[in-house]
Amino acid sequence: MQRYPVRTSHRGNLVPTALATVCQGHFDGAKVEGDSVQCHWGAIERLTARADGKELAVELVMNPKVDAATAQETIRRYNAFLEAATGFSSKERAKRLRKSAGA
């Protein structure tokens, strides 16, 4: 499970119904199950996202046996989903990860 910090302005996205709306914009079959949201698309067999305090917790089950174009589009959609849900771009998330690893 991976945890991502969420900008204060995007913390409203941590509510399951709002998270489902964000998921539906990038993936297929978004459904709310308790306090989490599940969806899928391309190489992502199952993505489970939920609030973990002030962070977004994401668990992925991937299918490595997809063609290169599908894998590339899956990565693009996943990064777009994370940016919409957390408010941080992939570059900002990587910078924060490096900071937390060094601390």
C-alpha atoms as a PDB file:
ATOM      1  CA  MET A   1       0.000   0.000   0.000  1.00  0.00           C
ATOM      2  CA  GLN A   2       1.290   3.436  -0.952  1.00  0.00           C
ATOM      3  CA  ARG A   3       0.385   6.626   0.921  1.00  0.00           C
ATOM      4  CA  TYR A   4       0.321  10.048  -0.732  1.00  0.00           C
ATOM      5  CA  PRO A   5       0.093  13.442   0.995  1.00  0.00           C
ATOM      6  CA  VAL A   6      -2.930  15.534  -0.020  1.00  0.00           C
ATOM      7  CA  ARG A   7      -2.975  19.321  -0.406  1.00  0.00           C
ATOM      8  CA  THR A   8      -5.257  21.080   2.045  1.00  0.00           C
ATOM      9  CA  SER A   9      -7.357  22.372  -0.876  1.00  0.00           C
ATOM     10  CA  HIS A  10      -7.913  18.775  -2.119  1.00  0.00           C
ATOM     11  CA  ARG A  11      -8.765  17.090   1.197  1.00  0.00           C
ATOM     12  CA  GLY A  12     -12.458  17.132   0.233  1.00  0.00           C
ATOM     13  CA  ASN A  13     -11.514  14.449  -2.335  1.00  0.00           C
ATOM     14  CA  LEU A  14     -10.851  12.000   0.513  1.00  0.00           C
ATOM     15  CA  VAL A  15     -14.597  11.489   1.085  1.00  0.00           C
ATOM     16  CA  PRO A  16     -15.523   8.152  -0.593  1.00  0.00           C
ATOM     17  CA  THR A  17     -18.186   9.657  -2.893  1.00  0.00           C
ATOM     18  CA  ALA A  18     -15.812  12.418  -4.074  1.00  0.00           C
ATOM     19  CA  LEU A  19     -13.009   9.874  -4.494  1.00  0.00           C
ATOM     20  CA  ALA A  20     -15.344   7.709  -6.603  1.00  0.00           C
ATOM     21  CA  THR A  21     -16.041  10.698  -8.870  1.00  0.00           C
ATOM     22  CA  VAL A  22     -12.296  11.299  -9.330  1.00  0.00           C
ATOM     23  CA  CYS A  23     -11.772   7.567 -10.053  1.00  0.00           C
ATOM     24  CA  GLN A  24     -14.616   7.493 -12.571  1.00  0.00           C
ATOM     25  CA  GLY A  25     -12.958  10.344 -14.462  1.00  0.00           C
ATOM     26  CA  HIS A  26      -9.816   8.277 -15.072  1.00  0.00           C
ATOM     27  CA  PHE A  27     -10.768   4.589 -14.748  1.00  0.00           C
ATOM     28  CA  ASP A  28     -13.717   2.197 -15.210  1.00  0.00           C
ATOM     29  CA  GLY A  29     -16.097   0.603 -12.748  1.00  0.00           C
ATOM     30  CA  ALA A  30     -15.595   2.929  -9.776  1.00  0.00           C
ATOM     31  CA  LYS A  31     -17.643   1.708  -6.840  1.00  0.00           C
ATOM     32  CA  VAL A  32     -17.725   2.701  -3.182  1.00  0.00           C
ATOM     33  CA  GLU A  33     -17.230  -0.146  -0.710  1.00  0.00           C
ATOM     34  CA  GLY A  34     -17.399   1.087   2.871  1.00  0.00           C
ATOM     35  CA  ASP A  35     -14.761   3.780   3.312  1.00  0.00           C
ATOM     36  CA  SER A  36     -12.827   2.888   0.142  1.00  0.00           C
ATOM     37  CA  VAL A  37     -13.295   3.076  -3.618  1.00  0.00           C
ATOM     38  CA  GLN A  38     -12.393   0.344  -6.106  1.00  0.00           C
ATOM     39  CA  CYS A  39     -11.892   0.708  -9.856  1.00  0.00           C
ATOM     40  CA  HIS A  40      -9.881  -0.795 -12.738  1.00  0.00           C
ATOM     41  CA  TRP A  41      -8.489   0.025 -16.177  1.00  0.00           C
ATOM     42  CA  GLY A  42      -5.871  -1.438 -18.523  1.00  0.00           C
ATOM     43  CA  ALA A  43      -2.978  -2.947 -16.586  1.00  0.00           C
ATOM     44  CA  ILE A  44      -4.652  -2.082 -13.266  1.00  0.00           C
ATOM     45  CA  GLU A  45      -6.738  -5.108 -12.322  1.00  0.00           C
ATOM     46  CA  ARG A  46      -7.849  -3.475  -9.066  1.00  0.00           C
ATOM     47  CA  LEU A  47      -7.146  -0.089  -7.547  1.00  0.00           C
ATOM     48  CA  THR A  48      -8.381   0.476  -3.994  1.00  0.00           C
ATOM     49  CA  ALA A  49      -8.172   4.036  -2.660  1.00  0.00           C
ATOM     50  CA  ARG A  50      -9.205   5.376   0.736  1.00  0.00           C
ATOM     51  CA  ALA A  51      -8.499   8.185   3.161  1.00  0.00           C
ATOM     52  CA  ASP A  52      -5.808   7.522   5.755  1.00  0.00           C
ATOM     53  CA  GLY A  53      -5.921  10.550   8.012  1.00  0.00           C
ATOM     54  CA  LYS A  54      -4.790  13.456   5.833  1.00  0.00           C
ATOM     55  CA  GLU A  55      -3.267  11.133   3.229  1.00  0.00           C
ATOM     56  CA  LEU A  56      -4.558   9.056   0.336  1.00  0.00           C
ATOM     57  CA  ALA A  57      -3.832   5.330   0.684  1.00  0.00           C
ATOM     58  CA  VAL A  58      -3.753   3.410  -2.607  1.00  0.00           C
ATOM     59  CA  GLU A  59      -3.416  -0.336  -3.106  1.00  0.00           C
ATOM     60  CA  LEU A  60      -2.825  -1.668  -6.635  1.00  0.00           C
ATOM     61  CA  VAL A  61      -3.082  -5.089  -8.245  1.00  0.00           C
ATOM     62  CA  MET A  62      -1.390  -4.942 -11.646  1.00  0.00           C
ATOM     63  CA  ASN A  63      -1.411  -7.228 -14.683  1.00  0.00           C
ATOM     64  CA  PRO A  64       2.095  -7.266 -16.195  1.00  0.00           C
ATOM     65  CA  LYS A  65       0.927  -9.126 -19.308  1.00  0.00           C
ATOM     66  CA  VAL A  66      -0.434  -6.140 -21.248  1.00  0.00           C
ATOM     67  CA  ASP A  67       0.934  -4.563 -24.413  1.00  0.00           C
ATOM     68  CA  ALA A  68       3.245  -1.546 -24.210  1.00  0.00           C
ATOM     69  CA  ALA A  69       0.631   0.972 -25.371  1.00  0.00           C
ATOM     70  CA  THR A  70      -1.840  -0.137 -22.687  1.00  0.00           C
ATOM     71  CA  ALA A  71       0.878  -0.044 -20.012  1.00  0.00           C
ATOM     72  CA  GLN A  72       1.871   3.483 -21.046  1.00  0.00           C
ATOM     73  CA  GLU A  73      -1.747   4.727 -21.038  1.00  0.00           C
ATOM     74  CA  THR A  74      -2.306   3.063 -17.634  1.00  0.00           C
ATOM     75  CA  ILE A  75       0.648   4.969 -16.147  1.00  0.00           C
ATOM     76  CA  ARG A  76      -0.592   8.232 -17.670  1.00  0.00           C
ATOM     77  CA  ARG A  77      -4.093   7.727 -16.242  1.00  0.00           C
ATOM     78  CA  TYR A  78      -2.758   6.679 -12.833  1.00  0.00           C
ATOM     79  CA  ASN A  79      -0.601   9.820 -12.592  1.00  0.00           C
ATOM     80  CA  ALA A  80      -3.542  12.000 -13.708  1.00  0.00           C
ATOM     81  CA  PHE A  81      -5.746  10.331 -11.062  1.00  0.00           C
ATOM     82  CA  LEU A  82      -3.163  10.949  -8.318  1.00  0.00           C
ATOM     83  CA  GLU A  83      -2.765  14.585  -9.367  1.00  0.00           C
ATOM     84  CA  ALA A  84      -6.539  15.133  -9.343  1.00  0.00           C
ATOM     85  CA  ALA A  85      -6.981  13.392  -5.989  1.00  0.00           C
ATOM     86  CA  THR A  86      -3.961  14.827  -4.131  1.00  0.00           C
ATOM     87  CA  GLY A  87      -3.293  18.149  -5.856  1.00  0.00           C
ATOM     88  CA  PHE A  88       0.385  17.264  -6.332  1.00  0.00           C
ATOM     89  CA  SER A  89       1.979  16.557  -9.718  1.00  0.00           C
ATOM     90  CA  SER A  90       4.195  13.490 -10.183  1.00  0.00           C
ATOM     91  CA  LYS A  91       7.261  15.738  -9.929  1.00  0.00           C
ATOM     92  CA  GLU A  92       6.038  17.227  -6.626  1.00  0.00           C
ATOM     93  CA  ARG A  93       5.180  13.762  -5.254  1.00  0.00           C
ATOM     94  CA  ALA A  94       8.673  12.484  -6.139  1.00  0.00           C
ATOM     95  CA  LYS A  95      10.281  15.512  -4.475  1.00  0.00           C
ATOM     96  CA  ARG A  96       8.259  14.964  -1.281  1.00  0.00           C
ATOM     97  CA  LEU A  97       9.135  11.248  -1.300  1.00  0.00           C
ATOM     98  CA  ARG A  98      12.853  12.036  -1.555  1.00  0.00           C
ATOM     99  CA  LYS A  99      12.535  14.547   1.319  1.00  0.00           C
ATOM    100  CA  SER A 100      10.748  12.069   3.587  1.00  0.00           C
ATOM    101  CA  ALA A 101      13.270   9.310   2.785  1.00  0.00           C
ATOM    102  CA  GLY A 102      16.176  11.592   3.668  1.00  0.00           C
ATOM    103  CA  ALA A 103      14.650  12.733   6.959  1.00  0.00           C
END
